[in-house]
């Protein structure tokens, strides 16, 4: 199966697991495999979720079985191994930098706040996966100088649009919610809107650049 391992997670879910690392090539295989599965519209599949290094397939156990899906998936894993690893799009996100944790991140990095902002804007980030909240994109990789760990105790309220850092990941809160990421700015961009034809602003595989406003 060229590196893919299929694991049953109960009677209504299987996980196709690749190398246990955060890597664009591995993530590209996951996205390619998820896209192939969705395109086949296999009876019984309820949801296909690509992650950093795995694809989770939720299915109706009355209409499908783990064994039948495994047989279909094995060939797709081989095809995903040779899929091109390219970003779908590059999306520019405006950010008003500031916020409750910018000073702490600067102290962590041993640099001025302006340097934190520069280091955060410098990379072109890859969207590895969506999760936690509708439209919440896990992006990487943050410069290690500013890769401050999450808060020990999450906040009860983080405002929609908040841009945060959690280790070498960066992300944007798509709605008001609790959260423990280090907030260093806020964007006016709407990450999720169920009234739009395409509710999600970002998709797994996209590239993102941040621009100060």
C-alpha atoms as a PDB file:
ATOM      1  CA  UNK A   1       0.000   0.000   0.000  1.00  0.00           C
ATOM      2  CA  UNK A   2       3.071   2.213  -0.473  1.00  0.00           C
ATOM      3  CA  UNK A   3       3.178   3.609   3.032  1.00  0.00           C
ATOM      4  CA  UNK A   4      -0.548   3.825   3.764  1.00  0.00           C
ATOM      5  CA  UNK A   5      -1.934   1.817   6.671  1.00  0.00           C
ATOM      6  CA  UNK A   6      -5.691   1.262   7.013  1.00  0.00           C
ATOM      7  CA  UNK A   7      -6.957   1.049  10.585  1.00  0.00           C
ATOM      8  CA  UNK A   8     -10.524   0.353  11.721  1.00  0.00           C
ATOM      9  CA  UNK A   9     -11.886   2.867  14.229  1.00  0.00           C
ATOM     10  CA  UNK A  10     -15.019   1.086  15.409  1.00  0.00           C
ATOM     11  CA  UNK A  11     -17.694  -0.215  13.058  1.00  0.00           C
ATOM     12  CA  UNK A  12     -18.375   3.037  11.197  1.00  0.00           C
ATOM     13  CA  UNK A  13     -14.978   4.591  10.574  1.00  0.00           C
ATOM     14  CA  UNK A  14     -11.617   3.744   9.041  1.00  0.00           C
ATOM     15  CA  UNK A  15      -8.404   5.754   9.091  1.00  0.00           C
ATOM     16  CA  UNK A  16      -5.811   5.666   6.319  1.00  0.00           C
ATOM     17  CA  UNK A  17      -2.569   6.585   8.055  1.00  0.00           C
ATOM     18  CA  UNK A  18       0.642   7.714   6.384  1.00  0.00           C
ATOM     19  CA  UNK A  19       3.958   8.717   7.989  1.00  0.00           C
ATOM     20  CA  UNK A  20       3.441  10.239  11.450  1.00  0.00           C
ATOM     21  CA  UNK A  21       5.032  13.567  10.553  1.00  0.00           C
ATOM     22  CA  UNK A  22       3.950  17.029   9.481  1.00  0.00           C
ATOM     23  CA  UNK A  23       5.209  17.224   5.913  1.00  0.00           C
ATOM     24  CA  UNK A  24       3.794  18.825   2.727  1.00  0.00           C
ATOM     25  CA  UNK A  25       4.350  15.676   0.645  1.00  0.00           C
ATOM     26  CA  UNK A  26       2.564  13.441   3.156  1.00  0.00           C
ATOM     27  CA  UNK A  27      -0.236  15.970   3.510  1.00  0.00           C
ATOM     28  CA  UNK A  28      -0.476  16.180  -0.284  1.00  0.00           C
ATOM     29  CA  UNK A  29      -1.107  12.434  -0.440  1.00  0.00           C
ATOM     30  CA  UNK A  30      -3.846  12.767   2.154  1.00  0.00           C
ATOM     31  CA  UNK A  31      -5.568  15.557   0.243  1.00  0.00           C
ATOM     32  CA  UNK A  32      -5.279  13.660  -3.050  1.00  0.00           C
ATOM     33  CA  UNK A  33      -6.702  10.502  -1.490  1.00  0.00           C
ATOM     34  CA  UNK A  34      -9.578  12.386   0.141  1.00  0.00           C
ATOM     35  CA  UNK A  35     -10.411  14.058  -3.167  1.00  0.00           C
ATOM     36  CA  UNK A  36     -10.422  10.719  -4.990  1.00  0.00           C
ATOM     37  CA  UNK A  37     -12.712   9.173  -2.401  1.00  0.00           C
ATOM     38  CA  UNK A  38     -15.143  12.067  -2.538  1.00  0.00           C
ATOM     39  CA  UNK A  39     -15.194  11.969  -6.342  1.00  0.00           C
ATOM     40  CA  UNK A  40     -16.172   8.280  -6.363  1.00  0.00           C
ATOM     41  CA  UNK A  41     -19.301   8.980  -4.293  1.00  0.00           C
ATOM     42  CA  UNK A  42     -19.157   5.510  -2.767  1.00  0.00           C
ATOM     43  CA  UNK A  43     -22.482   4.454  -1.299  1.00  0.00           C
ATOM     44  CA  UNK A  44     -22.471   4.627   2.484  1.00  0.00           C
ATOM     45  CA  UNK A  45     -19.643   7.111   2.969  1.00  0.00           C
ATOM     46  CA  UNK A  46     -20.815   9.963   5.172  1.00  0.00           C
ATOM     47  CA  UNK A  47     -17.692  12.108   5.409  1.00  0.00           C
ATOM     48  CA  UNK A  48     -14.039  12.121   4.318  1.00  0.00           C
ATOM     49  CA  UNK A  49     -11.661  14.171   6.479  1.00  0.00           C
ATOM     50  CA  UNK A  50      -8.016  14.744   5.473  1.00  0.00           C
ATOM     51  CA  UNK A  51      -5.639  15.644   8.312  1.00  0.00           C
ATOM     52  CA  UNK A  52      -1.918  16.345   8.573  1.00  0.00           C
ATOM     53  CA  UNK A  53      -0.955  12.736   7.851  1.00  0.00           C
ATOM     54  CA  UNK A  54      -4.123  10.634   7.678  1.00  0.00           C
ATOM     55  CA  UNK A  55      -7.562  10.454   6.081  1.00  0.00           C
ATOM     56  CA  UNK A  56     -10.563   9.540   8.220  1.00  0.00           C
ATOM     57  CA  UNK A  57     -13.551   7.978   6.458  1.00  0.00           C
ATOM     58  CA  UNK A  58     -16.890   7.940   8.278  1.00  0.00           C
ATOM     59  CA  UNK A  59     -19.475   5.565   6.828  1.00  0.00           C
ATOM     60  CA  UNK A  60     -22.928   4.116   7.454  1.00  0.00           C
ATOM     61  CA  UNK A  61     -22.316   0.527   8.641  1.00  0.00           C
ATOM     62  CA  UNK A  62     -25.667  -0.547   7.220  1.00  0.00           C
ATOM     63  CA  UNK A  63     -24.737   0.524   3.676  1.00  0.00           C
ATOM     64  CA  UNK A  64     -20.994  -0.215   3.734  1.00  0.00           C
ATOM     65  CA  UNK A  65     -18.384  -2.155   5.715  1.00  0.00           C
ATOM     66  CA  UNK A  66     -14.818  -1.466   6.671  1.00  0.00           C
ATOM     67  CA  UNK A  67     -13.700  -4.465   4.620  1.00  0.00           C
ATOM     68  CA  UNK A  68     -15.464  -3.324   1.443  1.00  0.00           C
ATOM     69  CA  UNK A  69     -14.110   0.204   1.765  1.00  0.00           C
ATOM     70  CA  UNK A  70     -10.595  -1.063   2.450  1.00  0.00           C
ATOM     71  CA  UNK A  71     -10.587  -2.897  -0.869  1.00  0.00           C
ATOM     72  CA  UNK A  72     -11.614   0.293  -2.702  1.00  0.00           C
ATOM     73  CA  UNK A  73      -9.132   2.445  -0.817  1.00  0.00           C
ATOM     74  CA  UNK A  74      -6.010   0.331  -1.388  1.00  0.00           C
ATOM     75  CA  UNK A  75      -5.778   1.223  -5.083  1.00  0.00           C
ATOM     76  CA  UNK A  76      -6.471   4.862  -4.346  1.00  0.00           C
ATOM     77  CA  UNK A  77      -3.550   4.911  -1.896  1.00  0.00           C
ATOM     78  CA  UNK A  78      -1.225   3.854  -4.693  1.00  0.00           C
ATOM     79  CA  UNK A  79      -2.615   6.584  -6.940  1.00  0.00           C
ATOM     80  CA  UNK A  80      -2.221   9.188  -4.188  1.00  0.00           C
ATOM     81  CA  UNK A  81       1.472   8.254  -3.912  1.00  0.00           C
ATOM     82  CA  UNK A  82       2.148   9.803  -7.308  1.00  0.00           C
ATOM     83  CA  UNK A  83      -0.238  12.762  -7.006  1.00  0.00           C
ATOM     84  CA  UNK A  84       1.432  16.157  -7.529  1.00  0.00           C
ATOM     85  CA  UNK A  85       2.005  18.121  -4.326  1.00  0.00           C
ATOM     86  CA  UNK A  86       0.814  21.590  -5.213  1.00  0.00           C
ATOM     87  CA  UNK A  87      -1.180  24.229  -3.392  1.00  0.00           C
ATOM     88  CA  UNK A  88      -4.677  24.721  -4.736  1.00  0.00           C
ATOM     89  CA  UNK A  89      -4.492  28.503  -4.360  1.00  0.00           C
ATOM     90  CA  UNK A  90      -2.630  31.287  -2.582  1.00  0.00           C
ATOM     91  CA  UNK A  91      -4.927  33.379  -0.386  1.00  0.00           C
ATOM     92  CA  UNK A  92      -3.855  36.728   1.078  1.00  0.00           C
ATOM     93  CA  UNK A  93      -5.191  37.464   4.562  1.00  0.00           C
ATOM     94  CA  UNK A  94      -5.097  41.025   5.942  1.00  0.00           C
ATOM     95  CA  UNK A  95      -4.229  41.285   9.644  1.00  0.00           C
ATOM     96  CA  UNK A  96      -4.371  44.136  12.121  1.00  0.00           C
ATOM     97  CA  UNK A  97      -1.508  43.033  14.338  1.00  0.00           C
ATOM     98  CA  UNK A  98      -1.752  43.533  18.084  1.00  0.00           C
ATOM     99  CA  UNK A  99      -3.766  41.641  20.639  1.00  0.00           C
ATOM    100  CA  UNK A 100      -3.373  40.127  24.080  1.00  0.00           C
ATOM    101  CA  UNK A 101      -0.355  37.907  23.400  1.00  0.00           C
ATOM    102  CA  UNK A 102       1.840  39.906  21.028  1.00  0.00           C
ATOM    103  CA  UNK A 103       3.940  41.270  23.889  1.00  0.00           C
ATOM    104  CA  UNK A 104       4.369  37.790  25.394  1.00  0.00           C
ATOM    105  CA  UNK A 105       5.433  36.304  22.057  1.00  0.00           C
ATOM    106  CA  UNK A 106       7.970  39.114  21.659  1.00  0.00           C
ATOM    107  CA  UNK A 107       9.372  38.332  25.109  1.00  0.00           C
ATOM    108  CA  UNK A 108       9.482  34.617  24.219  1.00  0.00           C
ATOM    109  CA  UNK A 109      11.418  35.420  21.031  1.00  0.00           C
ATOM    110  CA  UNK A 110      13.620  38.047  22.678  1.00  0.00           C
ATOM    111  CA  UNK A 111      12.789  40.631  20.025  1.00  0.00           C
ATOM    112  CA  UNK A 112      10.599  43.730  19.492  1.00  0.00           C
ATOM    113  CA  UNK A 113       6.927  43.287  18.621  1.00  0.00           C
ATOM    114  CA  UNK A 114       7.583  44.633  15.102  1.00  0.00           C
ATOM    115  CA  UNK A 115       9.991  41.752  14.554  1.00  0.00           C
ATOM    116  CA  UNK A 116       7.353  39.228  15.672  1.00  0.00           C
ATOM    117  CA  UNK A 117       5.006  40.705  13.079  1.00  0.00           C
ATOM    118  CA  UNK A 118       7.670  40.544  10.375  1.00  0.00           C
ATOM    119  CA  UNK A 119       8.519  36.929  11.230  1.00  0.00           C
ATOM    120  CA  UNK A 120       4.836  35.960  11.205  1.00  0.00           C
ATOM    121  CA  UNK A 121       4.254  37.564   7.791  1.00  0.00           C
ATOM    122  CA  UNK A 122       7.429  36.190   6.216  1.00  0.00           C
ATOM    123  CA  UNK A 123       6.418  32.593   5.365  1.00  0.00           C
ATOM    124  CA  UNK A 124       3.930  31.372   2.825  1.00  0.00           C
ATOM    125  CA  UNK A 125       1.936  28.986   4.992  1.00  0.00           C
ATOM    126  CA  UNK A 126       0.397  25.704   3.940  1.00  0.00           C
ATOM    127  CA  UNK A 127      -3.134  24.866   5.063  1.00  0.00           C
ATOM    128  CA  UNK A 128      -2.675  21.313   6.286  1.00  0.00           C
ATOM    129  CA  UNK A 129      -6.187  20.650   7.527  1.00  0.00           C
ATOM    130  CA  UNK A 130      -9.467  22.131   8.781  1.00  0.00           C
ATOM    131  CA  UNK A 131     -10.825  21.246  12.185  1.00  0.00           C
ATOM    132  CA  UNK A 132     -11.773  22.309  15.728  1.00  0.00           C
ATOM    133  CA  UNK A 133     -14.325  24.830  14.375  1.00  0.00           C
ATOM    134  CA  UNK A 134     -15.937  25.171  10.915  1.00  0.00           C
ATOM    135  CA  UNK A 135     -13.319  26.849   8.751  1.00  0.00           C
ATOM    136  CA  UNK A 136     -10.492  26.771  11.303  1.00  0.00           C
ATOM    137  CA  UNK A 137      -7.349  26.170   9.219  1.00  0.00           C
ATOM    138  CA  UNK A 138      -4.252  24.630  10.752  1.00  0.00           C
ATOM    139  CA  UNK A 139      -1.323  26.266   8.961  1.00  0.00           C
ATOM    140  CA  UNK A 140       2.425  25.881   9.125  1.00  0.00           C
ATOM    141  CA  UNK A 141       5.136  26.357   9.684  1.00  0.00           C
ATOM    142  CA  UNK A 142       5.709  29.328  11.981  1.00  0.00           C
ATOM    143  CA  UNK A 143       9.275  30.566  12.391  1.00  0.00           C
ATOM    144  CA  UNK A 144      10.682  28.755  15.423  1.00  0.00           C
ATOM    145  CA  UNK A 145      11.742  32.018  17.061  1.00  0.00           C
ATOM    146  CA  UNK A 146       8.076  32.917  17.600  1.00  0.00           C
ATOM    147  CA  UNK A 147       6.689  29.370  17.939  1.00  0.00           C
ATOM    148  CA  UNK A 148       5.375  29.918  21.459  1.00  0.00           C
ATOM    149  CA  UNK A 149       3.320  27.074  22.979  1.00  0.00           C
ATOM    150  CA  UNK A 150      -0.384  27.395  23.704  1.00  0.00           C
ATOM    151  CA  UNK A 151      -1.618  29.056  26.871  1.00  0.00           C
ATOM    152  CA  UNK A 152      -1.557  26.783  29.908  1.00  0.00           C
ATOM    153  CA  UNK A 153      -5.183  27.710  30.553  1.00  0.00           C
ATOM    154  CA  UNK A 154      -7.345  28.493  27.481  1.00  0.00           C
ATOM    155  CA  UNK A 155      -9.374  31.688  27.396  1.00  0.00           C
ATOM    156  CA  UNK A 156     -13.127  31.353  27.742  1.00  0.00           C
ATOM    157  CA  UNK A 157     -13.609  33.774  24.840  1.00  0.00           C
ATOM    158  CA  UNK A 158     -11.526  34.485  21.748  1.00  0.00           C
ATOM    159  CA  UNK A 159     -12.996  36.906  19.200  1.00  0.00           C
ATOM    160  CA  UNK A 160     -13.847  35.872  15.661  1.00  0.00           C
ATOM    161  CA  UNK A 161     -10.999  36.670  13.280  1.00  0.00           C
ATOM    162  CA  UNK A 162      -8.291  36.363  15.918  1.00  0.00           C
ATOM    163  CA  UNK A 163      -4.962  35.223  14.465  1.00  0.00           C
ATOM    164  CA  UNK A 164      -3.014  32.955  16.774  1.00  0.00           C
ATOM    165  CA  UNK A 165       0.140  30.911  17.207  1.00  0.00           C
ATOM    166  CA  UNK A 166       0.407  27.477  18.834  1.00  0.00           C
ATOM    167  CA  UNK A 167       3.937  26.167  18.538  1.00  0.00           C
ATOM    168  CA  UNK A 168       4.859  25.961  14.850  1.00  0.00           C
ATOM    169  CA  UNK A 169       1.208  26.297  13.785  1.00  0.00           C
ATOM    170  CA  UNK A 170      -0.756  29.443  13.057  1.00  0.00           C
ATOM    171  CA  UNK A 171      -4.512  29.741  12.628  1.00  0.00           C
ATOM    172  CA  UNK A 172      -7.514  32.045  12.550  1.00  0.00           C
ATOM    173  CA  UNK A 173     -10.574  31.685  14.763  1.00  0.00           C
ATOM    174  CA  UNK A 174     -13.585  31.675  12.391  1.00  0.00           C
ATOM    175  CA  UNK A 175     -16.065  32.559  15.156  1.00  0.00           C
ATOM    176  CA  UNK A 176     -16.166  33.586  18.801  1.00  0.00           C
ATOM    177  CA  UNK A 177     -15.077  30.601  20.867  1.00  0.00           C
ATOM    178  CA  UNK A 178     -12.886  29.433  23.718  1.00  0.00           C
ATOM    179  CA  UNK A 179      -9.258  28.959  22.729  1.00  0.00           C
ATOM    180  CA  UNK A 180      -5.699  28.656  23.923  1.00  0.00           C
ATOM    181  CA  UNK A 181      -3.648  29.918  20.977  1.00  0.00           C
ATOM    182  CA  UNK A 182      -1.442  32.993  21.414  1.00  0.00           C
ATOM    183  CA  UNK A 183      -3.422  35.812  19.797  1.00  0.00           C
ATOM    184  CA  UNK A 184      -1.221  38.313  17.952  1.00  0.00           C
ATOM    185  CA  UNK A 185      -3.733  40.031  15.656  1.00  0.00           C
ATOM    186  CA  UNK A 186      -7.129  39.988  14.048  1.00  0.00           C
ATOM    187  CA  UNK A 187      -8.399  39.799  10.476  1.00  0.00           C
ATOM    188  CA  UNK A 188     -11.619  41.176   8.976  1.00  0.00           C
ATOM    189  CA  UNK A 189     -11.727  38.163   6.623  1.00  0.00           C
ATOM    190  CA  UNK A 190     -14.684  35.817   7.091  1.00  0.00           C
ATOM    191  CA  UNK A 191     -13.372  32.261   7.344  1.00  0.00           C
ATOM    192  CA  UNK A 192     -16.770  30.556   7.381  1.00  0.00           C
ATOM    193  CA  UNK A 193     -20.140  31.734   6.129  1.00  0.00           C
ATOM    194  CA  UNK A 194     -22.826  29.119   5.568  1.00  0.00           C
ATOM    195  CA  UNK A 195     -24.730  31.565   3.326  1.00  0.00           C
ATOM    196  CA  UNK A 196     -21.918  31.626   0.743  1.00  0.00           C
ATOM    197  CA  UNK A 197     -21.889  29.243  -2.202  1.00  0.00           C
ATOM    198  CA  UNK A 198     -18.508  28.063  -0.853  1.00  0.00           C
ATOM    199  CA  UNK A 199     -18.806  28.424   2.932  1.00  0.00           C
ATOM    200  CA  UNK A 200     -15.099  27.921   3.659  1.00  0.00           C
ATOM    201  CA  UNK A 201     -12.597  30.632   2.734  1.00  0.00           C
ATOM    202  CA  UNK A 202      -9.667  28.209   2.985  1.00  0.00           C
ATOM    203  CA  UNK A 203      -9.224  24.593   1.919  1.00  0.00           C
ATOM    204  CA  UNK A 204      -6.651  21.960   2.784  1.00  0.00           C
ATOM    205  CA  UNK A 205      -3.725  22.369   0.394  1.00  0.00           C
ATOM    206  CA  UNK A 206      -4.081  26.129  -0.001  1.00  0.00           C
ATOM    207  CA  UNK A 207      -1.195  28.501   0.648  1.00  0.00           C
ATOM    208  CA  UNK A 208      -1.755  31.590   2.798  1.00  0.00           C
ATOM    209  CA  UNK A 209       0.166  34.825   3.140  1.00  0.00           C
ATOM    210  CA  UNK A 210      -0.511  37.396   5.881  1.00  0.00           C
ATOM    211  CA  UNK A 211      -0.358  41.138   5.182  1.00  0.00           C
ATOM    212  CA  UNK A 212      -0.374  43.828   7.872  1.00  0.00           C
ATOM    213  CA  UNK A 213      -3.133  46.447   7.663  1.00  0.00           C
END
